[in-house]
Amino acid sequence: MNPDGQAWRLMQAGELLAELIVTGGDFPWLNARVRATPAFDSVRPLFAEELRALEDADDNPGPWQEAYDRIRGTVVLHDPEGHPVPEFLLHIDDQDAWWRWSDEPFAETDTEG
């Protein structure tokens, strides 16, 4: 099944933060255009911080892991059927998003990227 055009939803406490409209991908990653709601502004700084820390994650993974843990503690990703995704690694840069997800928790070494 081609995932292009599918809408994933980024939620916080039951409130829609953004729809992620799939534009393609390279397995296991999906790429999307971000259709943010005004509520997304409350979490936008978390994603900006995560991307800054990601630049140095190979040499210094601690700050990236802490930044990503803040994201995971704040938002929930829902698949196109509306089910919460148990595990995901999501990056958002302005209008672009890319992520991988799993029905099972990632192993420790799978979360970088």
Protein backbone atom coordinates (compact mmCIF):
# COMPACT_ATOMS: atom_id res chain seq x y z
CA MET A 1 0.00 0.00 0.00
CA ASN A 2 1.32 3.45 -0.95
CA PRO A 3 1.37 5.68 2.14
CA ASP A 4 1.54 8.96 0.13
CA GLY A 5 -1.24 11.33 1.14
CA GLN A 6 -2.02 9.56 4.39
CA ALA A 7 -2.48 11.83 7.40
CA TRP A 8 -0.78 10.96 10.65
CA ARG A 9 -1.73 13.09 13.66
CA LEU A 10 0.49 14.58 16.32
CA MET A 11 -1.46 14.97 19.56
CA GLN A 12 -1.00 16.34 23.06
CA ALA A 13 -3.52 15.53 25.79
CA GLY A 14 -6.19 14.82 23.17
CA GLU A 15 -5.57 18.06 21.25
CA LEU A 16 -4.46 18.02 17.60
CA LEU A 17 -1.09 19.72 17.21
CA ALA A 18 -0.43 18.88 13.56
CA GLU A 19 -1.30 16.59 10.72
CA LEU A 20 1.65 14.98 8.97
CA ILE A 21 0.68 14.42 5.34
CA VAL A 22 2.91 11.69 3.90
CA THR A 23 4.80 12.72 0.77
CA GLY A 24 7.10 9.71 0.44
CA GLY A 25 9.83 7.93 2.29
CA ASP A 26 12.74 5.56 2.27
CA PHE A 27 11.92 2.52 4.42
CA PRO A 28 11.84 2.58 7.40
CA TRP A 29 11.44 6.38 7.26
CA LEU A 30 8.35 8.32 6.15
CA ASN A 31 8.51 11.94 4.98
CA ALA A 32 5.65 14.40 5.32
CA ARG A 33 4.47 17.95 5.00
CA VAL A 34 3.46 19.41 8.37
CA ARG A 35 0.02 20.97 8.59
CA ALA A 36 0.32 22.61 12.03
CA THR A 37 -2.53 23.92 14.13
CA PRO A 38 -2.02 26.97 16.37
CA ALA A 39 -1.52 24.53 19.26
CA PHE A 40 1.69 23.25 17.62
CA ASP A 41 3.44 26.47 18.66
CA SER A 42 3.59 25.11 22.22
CA VAL A 43 5.86 22.22 21.13
CA ARG A 44 7.72 23.81 18.21
CA PRO A 45 10.71 24.73 20.45
CA LEU A 46 11.08 21.09 21.52
CA PHE A 47 11.55 19.99 17.91
CA ALA A 48 13.97 22.84 17.19
CA GLU A 49 16.04 21.88 20.24
CA GLU A 50 16.04 18.21 19.19
CA LEU A 51 17.36 19.06 15.70
CA ARG A 52 20.13 21.25 17.13
CA ALA A 53 21.20 18.43 19.45
CA LEU A 54 20.96 15.86 16.63
CA GLU A 55 23.76 17.64 14.75
CA ASP A 56 26.22 16.58 17.46
CA ALA A 57 24.57 13.29 18.50
CA ASP A 58 27.34 11.09 17.09
CA ASP A 59 29.94 12.72 19.35
CA ASN A 60 27.69 13.67 22.24
CA PRO A 61 24.42 11.69 22.32
CA GLY A 62 23.31 12.76 25.81
CA PRO A 63 21.81 16.15 24.92
CA TRP A 64 19.99 14.67 21.92
CA GLN A 65 18.53 11.85 24.02
CA GLU A 66 17.36 14.34 26.66
CA ALA A 67 15.78 16.56 23.99
CA TYR A 68 14.03 13.62 22.38
CA ASP A 69 12.82 12.30 25.72
CA ARG A 70 11.11 15.68 26.26
CA ILE A 71 9.32 15.28 22.92
CA ARG A 72 8.23 11.71 23.71
CA GLY A 73 7.00 12.81 27.12
CA THR A 74 4.90 15.56 25.56
CA VAL A 75 3.36 14.30 22.31
CA VAL A 76 1.66 11.19 20.93
CA LEU A 77 1.73 10.16 17.28
CA HIS A 78 -1.43 8.58 15.82
CA ASP A 79 -1.37 6.45 12.67
CA PRO A 80 -3.81 7.11 9.79
CA GLU A 81 -6.42 4.83 11.42
CA GLY A 82 -6.29 6.97 14.57
CA HIS A 83 -4.38 4.53 16.79
CA PRO A 84 -1.56 5.82 19.00
CA VAL A 85 1.82 4.54 17.84
CA PRO A 86 3.66 2.76 20.69
CA GLU A 87 7.12 3.86 19.53
CA PHE A 88 8.35 6.50 17.11
CA LEU A 89 11.29 8.71 16.27
CA LEU A 90 10.02 11.98 14.79
CA HIS A 91 11.92 15.00 13.53
CA ILE A 92 10.17 18.22 12.48
CA ASP A 93 11.91 21.09 10.74
CA ASP A 94 9.46 23.89 9.88
CA GLN A 95 7.07 22.33 7.31
CA ASP A 96 9.02 19.07 6.90
CA ALA A 97 8.72 15.96 9.04
CA TRP A 98 10.39 12.58 8.87
CA TRP A 99 9.92 9.65 11.19
CA ARG A 100 10.05 5.94 11.73
CA TRP A 101 7.69 4.02 13.93
CA SER A 102 7.07 0.62 15.40
CA ASP A 103 4.33 -1.35 17.08
CA GLU A 104 7.01 -2.42 19.58
CA PRO A 105 9.51 -0.32 21.57
CA PHE A 106 12.77 0.38 19.77
CA ALA A 107 15.98 -1.22 20.97
CA GLU A 108 18.37 1.34 22.50
CA THR A 109 20.56 1.53 19.39
CA ASP A 110 17.64 2.06 16.98
CA THR A 111 16.62 5.54 18.17
CA GLU A 112 19.37 7.63 16.60
CA GLY A 113 18.88 9.08 13.16
